[in-house]
Amino acid sequence: MAGEEVVITDRGIPVARLIGVAHAPLLERLVEAGTIARPKVAARPTASGRRRPRATRPLSEVVSEQRR
């Protein structure tokens, strides 16, 4: 968030670069080119109102079973 850049490498070879959104001039260029658009509403989306599904058993059991 402070504007620091993070470079991700694969065995010492740079493969990706993470920068803060506020420091990404690429986004502004894409907006100006019409490739992407800014959101119409600044607010975050809300939940659908449906109840969340509940697990019938611990997830660790399911994972262990699938690994066998």
PDB file of N, CA and C in Angstrom:
ATOM      1  N   MET A   1       0.820  -1.190   0.000  1.00  0.00           N
ATOM      2  CA  MET A   1       0.000   0.000   0.000  1.00  0.00           C
ATOM      3  C   MET A   1       0.864   1.254   0.000  1.00  0.00           C
ATOM      4  N   ALA A   2       2.091   1.103   0.451  1.00  0.00           N
ATOM      5  CA  ALA A   2       2.984   2.254   0.507  1.00  0.00           C
ATOM      6  C   ALA A   2       3.638   2.523  -0.840  1.00  0.00           C
ATOM      7  N   GLY A   3       3.281   1.746  -1.838  1.00  0.00           N
ATOM      8  CA  GLY A   3       3.835   1.966  -3.161  1.00  0.00           C
ATOM      9  C   GLY A   3       5.038   1.105  -3.468  1.00  0.00           C
ATOM     10  N   GLU A   4       5.357   0.191  -2.588  1.00  0.00           N
ATOM     11  CA  GLU A   4       6.487  -0.681  -2.814  1.00  0.00           C
ATOM     12  C   GLU A   4       6.142  -1.725  -3.870  1.00  0.00           C
ATOM     13  N   GLU A   5       7.080  -2.062  -4.696  1.00  0.00           N
ATOM     14  CA  GLU A   5       6.895  -3.038  -5.762  1.00  0.00           C
ATOM     15  C   GLU A   5       7.433  -4.387  -5.295  1.00  0.00           C
ATOM     16  N   VAL A   6       6.705  -5.474  -5.627  1.00  0.00           N
ATOM     17  CA  VAL A   6       7.139  -6.818  -5.284  1.00  0.00           C
ATOM     18  C   VAL A   6       7.322  -7.588  -6.583  1.00  0.00           C
ATOM     19  N   VAL A   7       8.502  -8.180  -6.768  1.00  0.00           N
ATOM     20  CA  VAL A   7       8.783  -8.972  -7.958  1.00  0.00           C
ATOM     21  C   VAL A   7       8.795 -10.438  -7.568  1.00  0.00           C
ATOM     22  N   ILE A   8       8.004 -11.239  -8.271  1.00  0.00           N
ATOM     23  CA  ILE A   8       7.921 -12.680  -8.019  1.00  0.00           C
ATOM     24  C   ILE A   8       8.810 -13.377  -9.031  1.00  0.00           C
ATOM     25  N   THR A   9       9.640 -14.293  -8.538  1.00  0.00           N
ATOM     26  CA  THR A   9      10.579 -14.979  -9.421  1.00  0.00           C
ATOM     27  C   THR A   9      10.356 -16.478  -9.395  1.00  0.00           C
ATOM     28  N   ASP A  10      10.771 -17.120 -10.468  1.00  0.00           N
ATOM     29  CA  ASP A  10      10.775 -18.568 -10.566  1.00  0.00           C
ATOM     30  C   ASP A  10      12.211 -18.975 -10.817  1.00  0.00           C
ATOM     31  N   ARG A  11      12.859 -19.470  -9.784  1.00  0.00           N
ATOM     32  CA  ARG A  11      14.277 -19.841  -9.853  1.00  0.00           C
ATOM     33  C   ARG A  11      15.147 -18.668 -10.293  1.00  0.00           C
ATOM     34  N   GLY A  12      14.845 -17.505  -9.741  1.00  0.00           N
ATOM     35  CA  GLY A  12      15.642 -16.317 -10.019  1.00  0.00           C
ATOM     36  C   GLY A  12      15.235 -15.541 -11.253  1.00  0.00           C
ATOM     37  N   ILE A  13      14.265 -16.027 -12.013  1.00  0.00           N
ATOM     38  CA  ILE A  13      13.805 -15.333 -13.221  1.00  0.00           C
ATOM     39  C   ILE A  13      12.502 -14.617 -12.894  1.00  0.00           C
ATOM     40  N   PRO A  14      12.442 -13.292 -13.061  1.00  0.00           N
ATOM     41  CA  PRO A  14      11.200 -12.563 -12.765  1.00  0.00           C
ATOM     42  C   PRO A  14      10.051 -13.044 -13.642  1.00  0.00           C
ATOM     43  N   VAL A  15       8.908 -13.364 -13.006  1.00  0.00           N
ATOM     44  CA  VAL A  15       7.739 -13.826 -13.751  1.00  0.00           C
ATOM     45  C   VAL A  15       6.512 -12.940 -13.528  1.00  0.00           C
ATOM     46  N   ALA A  16       6.520 -12.135 -12.472  1.00  0.00           N
ATOM     47  CA  ALA A  16       5.373 -11.259 -12.195  1.00  0.00           C
ATOM     48  C   ALA A  16       5.833 -10.092 -11.346  1.00  0.00           C
ATOM     49  N   ARG A  17       5.046  -9.026 -11.408  1.00  0.00           N
ATOM     50  CA  ARG A  17       5.342  -7.833 -10.622  1.00  0.00           C
ATOM     51  C   ARG A  17       4.047  -7.358  -9.987  1.00  0.00           C
ATOM     52  N   LEU A  18       4.064  -7.175  -8.679  1.00  0.00           N
ATOM     53  CA  LEU A  18       2.900  -6.682  -7.954  1.00  0.00           C
ATOM     54  C   LEU A  18       3.150  -5.237  -7.555  1.00  0.00           C
ATOM     55  N   ILE A  19       2.197  -4.380  -7.904  1.00  0.00           N
ATOM     56  CA  ILE A  19       2.282  -2.983  -7.503  1.00  0.00           C
ATOM     57  C   ILE A  19       0.906  -2.559  -7.005  1.00  0.00           C
ATOM     58  N   GLY A  20       0.875  -1.557  -6.173  1.00  0.00           N
ATOM     59  CA  GLY A  20      -0.396  -1.064  -5.667  1.00  0.00           C
ATOM     60  C   GLY A  20      -1.246  -0.490  -6.795  1.00  0.00           C
ATOM     61  N   VAL A  21      -2.551  -0.626  -6.669  1.00  0.00           N
ATOM     62  CA  VAL A  21      -3.462  -0.132  -7.704  1.00  0.00           C
ATOM     63  C   VAL A  21      -3.293   1.361  -7.922  1.00  0.00           C
ATOM     64  N   ALA A  22      -3.091   2.089  -6.852  1.00  0.00           N
ATOM     65  CA  ALA A  22      -2.946   3.536  -6.978  1.00  0.00           C
ATOM     66  C   ALA A  22      -1.677   3.915  -7.738  1.00  0.00           C
ATOM     67  N   HIS A  23      -0.730   3.011  -7.803  1.00  0.00           N
ATOM     68  CA  HIS A  23       0.537   3.287  -8.456  1.00  0.00           C
ATOM     69  C   HIS A  23       0.644   2.601  -9.814  1.00  0.00           C
ATOM     70  N   ALA A  24      -0.459   2.157 -10.360  1.00  0.00           N
ATOM     71  CA  ALA A  24      -0.444   1.406 -11.610  1.00  0.00           C
ATOM     72  C   ALA A  24      -0.939   2.268 -12.765  1.00  0.00           C
ATOM     73  N   PRO A  25      -0.032   2.947 -13.463  1.00  0.00           N
ATOM     74  CA  PRO A  25      -0.466   3.764 -14.599  1.00  0.00           C
ATOM     75  C   PRO A  25      -1.081   2.923 -15.713  1.00  0.00           C
ATOM     76  N   LEU A  26      -0.799   1.635 -15.724  1.00  0.00           N
ATOM     77  CA  LEU A  26      -1.371   0.754 -16.738  1.00  0.00           C
ATOM     78  C   LEU A  26      -2.891   0.773 -16.661  1.00  0.00           C
ATOM     79  N   LEU A  27      -3.441   0.779 -15.445  1.00  0.00           N
ATOM     80  CA  LEU A  27      -4.897   0.815 -15.303  1.00  0.00           C
ATOM     81  C   LEU A  27      -5.486   2.062 -15.937  1.00  0.00           C
ATOM     82  N   GLU A  28      -4.858   3.196 -15.716  1.00  0.00           N
ATOM     83  CA  GLU A  28      -5.359   4.435 -16.316  1.00  0.00           C
ATOM     84  C   GLU A  28      -5.298   4.366 -17.840  1.00  0.00           C
ATOM     85  N   ARG A  29      -4.236   3.803 -18.360  1.00  0.00           N
ATOM     86  CA  ARG A  29      -4.123   3.682 -19.832  1.00  0.00           C
ATOM     87  C   ARG A  29      -5.198   2.755 -20.379  1.00  0.00           C
ATOM     88  N   LEU A  30      -5.502   1.660 -19.666  1.00  0.00           N
ATOM     89  CA  LEU A  30      -6.540   0.736 -20.119  1.00  0.00           C
ATOM     90  C   LEU A  30      -7.916   1.381 -20.065  1.00  0.00           C
ATOM     91  N   VAL A  31      -8.171   2.211 -19.043  1.00  0.00           N
ATOM     92  CA  VAL A  31      -9.441   2.930 -18.959  1.00  0.00           C
ATOM     93  C   VAL A  31      -9.556   3.916 -20.113  1.00  0.00           C
ATOM     94  N   GLU A  32      -8.490   4.661 -20.365  1.00  0.00           N
ATOM     95  CA  GLU A  32      -8.513   5.648 -21.451  1.00  0.00           C
ATOM     96  C   GLU A  32      -8.676   4.982 -22.814  1.00  0.00           C
ATOM     97  N   ALA A  33      -8.113   3.788 -22.981  1.00  0.00           N
ATOM     98  CA  ALA A  33      -8.230   3.071 -24.252  1.00  0.00           C
ATOM     99  C   ALA A  33      -9.588   2.392 -24.407  1.00  0.00           C
ATOM    100  N   GLY A  34     -10.362   2.323 -23.309  1.00  0.00           N
ATOM    101  CA  GLY A  34     -11.672   1.683 -23.380  1.00  0.00           C
ATOM    102  C   GLY A  34     -11.610   0.177 -23.196  1.00  0.00           C
ATOM    103  N   THR A  35     -10.458  -0.352 -22.839  1.00  0.00           N
ATOM    104  CA  THR A  35     -10.309  -1.788 -22.642  1.00  0.00           C
ATOM    105  C   THR A  35     -11.015  -2.235 -21.373  1.00  0.00           C
ATOM    106  N   ILE A  36     -10.916  -1.436 -20.307  1.00  0.00           N
ATOM    107  CA  ILE A  36     -11.619  -1.714 -19.063  1.00  0.00           C
ATOM    108  C   ILE A  36     -12.399  -0.467 -18.675  1.00  0.00           C
ATOM    109  N   ALA A  37     -13.313  -0.620 -17.756  1.00  0.00           N
ATOM    110  CA  ALA A  37     -14.103   0.522 -17.295  1.00  0.00           C
ATOM    111  C   ALA A  37     -14.078   0.577 -15.773  1.00  0.00           C
ATOM    112  N   ARG A  38     -14.203   1.749 -15.253  1.00  0.00           N
ATOM    113  CA  ARG A  38     -14.299   1.923 -13.809  1.00  0.00           C
ATOM    114  C   ARG A  38     -15.670   1.429 -13.352  1.00  0.00           C
ATOM    115  N   PRO A  39     -15.793   0.965 -12.116  1.00  0.00           N
ATOM    116  CA  PRO A  39     -17.098   0.515 -11.635  1.00  0.00           C
ATOM    117  C   PRO A  39     -18.089   1.677 -11.600  1.00  0.00           C
ATOM    118  N   LYS A  40     -19.352   1.373 -11.874  1.00  0.00           N
ATOM    119  CA  LYS A  40     -20.393   2.413 -11.861  1.00  0.00           C
ATOM    120  C   LYS A  40     -20.723   2.832 -10.440  1.00  0.00           C
ATOM    121  N   VAL A  41     -20.605   1.892  -9.501  1.00  0.00           N
ATOM    122  CA  VAL A  41     -20.889   2.154  -8.093  1.00  0.00           C
ATOM    123  C   VAL A  41     -19.622   1.844  -7.305  1.00  0.00           C
ATOM    124  N   ALA A  42     -19.229   2.770  -6.466  1.00  0.00           N
ATOM    125  CA  ALA A  42     -17.994   2.581  -5.703  1.00  0.00           C
ATOM    126  C   ALA A  42     -18.152   1.595  -4.553  1.00  0.00           C
ATOM    127  N   ALA A  43     -19.393   1.345  -4.140  1.00  0.00           N
ATOM    128  CA  ALA A  43     -19.622   0.456  -3.000  1.00  0.00           C
ATOM    129  C   ALA A  43     -19.358  -0.997  -3.375  1.00  0.00           C
ATOM    130  N   ARG A  44     -18.969  -1.770  -2.384  1.00  0.00           N
ATOM    131  CA  ARG A  44     -18.746  -3.200  -2.597  1.00  0.00           C
ATOM    132  C   ARG A  44     -20.083  -3.900  -2.756  1.00  0.00           C
ATOM    133  N   PRO A  45     -20.133  -4.994  -3.513  1.00  0.00           N
ATOM    134  CA  PRO A  45     -21.386  -5.733  -3.665  1.00  0.00           C
ATOM    135  C   PRO A  45     -21.817  -6.368  -2.343  1.00  0.00           C
ATOM    136  N   THR A  46     -23.111  -6.533  -2.188  1.00  0.00           N
ATOM    137  CA  THR A  46     -23.634  -7.144  -0.969  1.00  0.00           C
ATOM    138  C   THR A  46     -23.923  -8.619  -1.214  1.00  0.00           C
ATOM    139  N   ALA A  47     -24.100  -9.344  -0.131  1.00  0.00           N
ATOM    140  CA  ALA A  47     -24.398 -10.769  -0.227  1.00  0.00           C
ATOM    141  C   ALA A  47     -25.781 -10.978  -0.846  1.00  0.00           C
ATOM    142  N   SER A  48     -26.002 -12.160  -1.380  1.00  0.00           N
ATOM    143  CA  SER A  48     -27.259 -12.458  -2.069  1.00  0.00           C
ATOM    144  C   SER A  48     -28.436 -12.641  -1.117  1.00  0.00           C
ATOM    145  N   GLY A  49     -28.170 -12.815   0.162  1.00  0.00           N
ATOM    146  CA  GLY A  49     -29.255 -13.018   1.120  1.00  0.00           C
ATOM    147  C   GLY A  49     -29.511 -14.485   1.404  1.00  0.00           C
ATOM    148  N   ARG A  50     -28.918 -15.373   0.609  1.00  0.00           N
ATOM    149  CA  ARG A  50     -29.088 -16.810   0.850  1.00  0.00           C
ATOM    150  C   ARG A  50     -28.238 -17.237   2.038  1.00  0.00           C
ATOM    151  N   ARG A  51     -28.690 -18.262   2.721  1.00  0.00           N
ATOM    152  CA  ARG A  51     -27.928 -18.790   3.844  1.00  0.00           C
ATOM    153  C   ARG A  51     -26.685 -19.505   3.325  1.00  0.00           C
ATOM    154  N   ARG A  52     -25.633 -19.428   4.104  1.00  0.00           N
ATOM    155  CA  ARG A  52     -24.403 -20.131   3.750  1.00  0.00           C
ATOM    156  C   ARG A  52     -24.568 -21.621   4.021  1.00  0.00           C
ATOM    157  N   PRO A  53     -24.021 -22.459   3.150  1.00  0.00           N
ATOM    158  CA  PRO A  53     -24.091 -23.899   3.432  1.00  0.00           C
ATOM    159  C   PRO A  53     -23.207 -24.240   4.628  1.00  0.00           C
ATOM    160  N   ARG A  54     -23.649 -25.166   5.430  1.00  0.00           N
ATOM    161  CA  ARG A  54     -22.895 -25.588   6.603  1.00  0.00           C
ATOM    162  C   ARG A  54     -22.340 -26.989   6.364  1.00  0.00           C
ATOM    163  N   ALA A  55     -21.130 -27.209   6.803  1.00  0.00           N
ATOM    164  CA  ALA A  55     -20.496 -28.512   6.641  1.00  0.00           C
ATOM    165  C   ALA A  55     -21.148 -29.532   7.557  1.00  0.00           C
ATOM    166  N   THR A  56     -21.269 -30.754   7.068  1.00  0.00           N
ATOM    167  CA  THR A  56     -21.829 -31.821   7.892  1.00  0.00           C
ATOM    168  C   THR A  56     -20.745 -32.536   8.673  1.00  0.00           C
ATOM    169  N   ARG A  57     -19.494 -32.352   8.260  1.00  0.00           N
ATOM    170  CA  ARG A  57     -18.347 -32.917   8.968  1.00  0.00           C
ATOM    171  C   ARG A  57     -17.145 -32.015   8.737  1.00  0.00           C
ATOM    172  N   PRO A  58     -16.108 -32.145   9.533  1.00  0.00           N
ATOM    173  CA  PRO A  58     -14.951 -31.264   9.394  1.00  0.00           C
ATOM    174  C   PRO A  58     -14.296 -31.382   8.013  1.00  0.00           C
ATOM    175  N   LEU A  59     -13.886 -30.261   7.489  1.00  0.00           N
ATOM    176  CA  LEU A  59     -13.250 -30.232   6.176  1.00  0.00           C
ATOM    177  C   LEU A  59     -11.969 -31.064   6.158  1.00  0.00           C
ATOM    178  N   SER A  60     -11.258 -31.106   7.277  1.00  0.00           N
ATOM    179  CA  SER A  60     -10.020 -31.886   7.335  1.00  0.00           C
ATOM    180  C   SER A  60     -10.290 -33.361   7.056  1.00  0.00           C
ATOM    181  N   GLU A  61     -11.439 -33.879   7.493  1.00  0.00           N
ATOM    182  CA  GLU A  61     -11.803 -35.268   7.203  1.00  0.00           C
ATOM    183  C   GLU A  61     -12.014 -35.473   5.713  1.00  0.00           C
ATOM    184  N   VAL A  62     -12.686 -34.537   5.079  1.00  0.00           N
ATOM    185  CA  VAL A  62     -12.955 -34.633   3.635  1.00  0.00           C
ATOM    186  C   VAL A  62     -11.644 -34.615   2.865  1.00  0.00           C
ATOM    187  N   VAL A  63     -10.740 -33.721   3.229  1.00  0.00           N
ATOM    188  CA  VAL A  63      -9.453 -33.626   2.543  1.00  0.00           C
ATOM    189  C   VAL A  63      -8.655 -34.904   2.733  1.00  0.00           C
ATOM    190  N   SER A  64      -8.602 -35.430   3.962  1.00  0.00           N
ATOM    191  CA  SER A  64      -7.875 -36.675   4.225  1.00  0.00           C
ATOM    192  C   SER A  64      -8.454 -37.831   3.414  1.00  0.00           C
ATOM    193  N   GLU A  65      -9.774 -37.885   3.324  1.00  0.00           N
ATOM    194  CA  GLU A  65     -10.424 -38.937   2.553  1.00  0.00           C
ATOM    195  C   GLU A  65     -10.070 -38.836   1.069  1.00  0.00           C
ATOM    196  N   GLN A  66     -10.050 -37.644   0.539  1.00  0.00           N
ATOM    197  CA  GLN A  66      -9.731 -37.465  -0.878  1.00  0.00           C
ATOM    198  C   GLN A  66      -8.273 -37.788  -1.167  1.00  0.00           C
ATOM    199  N   ARG A  67      -7.401 -37.558  -0.192  1.00  0.00           N
ATOM    200  CA  ARG A  67      -5.986 -37.855  -0.398  1.00  0.00           C
ATOM    201  C   ARG A  67      -5.700 -39.339  -0.405  1.00  0.00           C
ATOM    202  N   ARG A  68      -6.555 -40.112   0.260  1.00  0.00           N
ATOM    203  CA  ARG A  68      -6.361 -41.561   0.275  1.00  0.00           C
ATOM    204  C   ARG A  68      -6.726 -42.094  -1.067  1.00  0.00           C
TER     205      ARG A  68
END
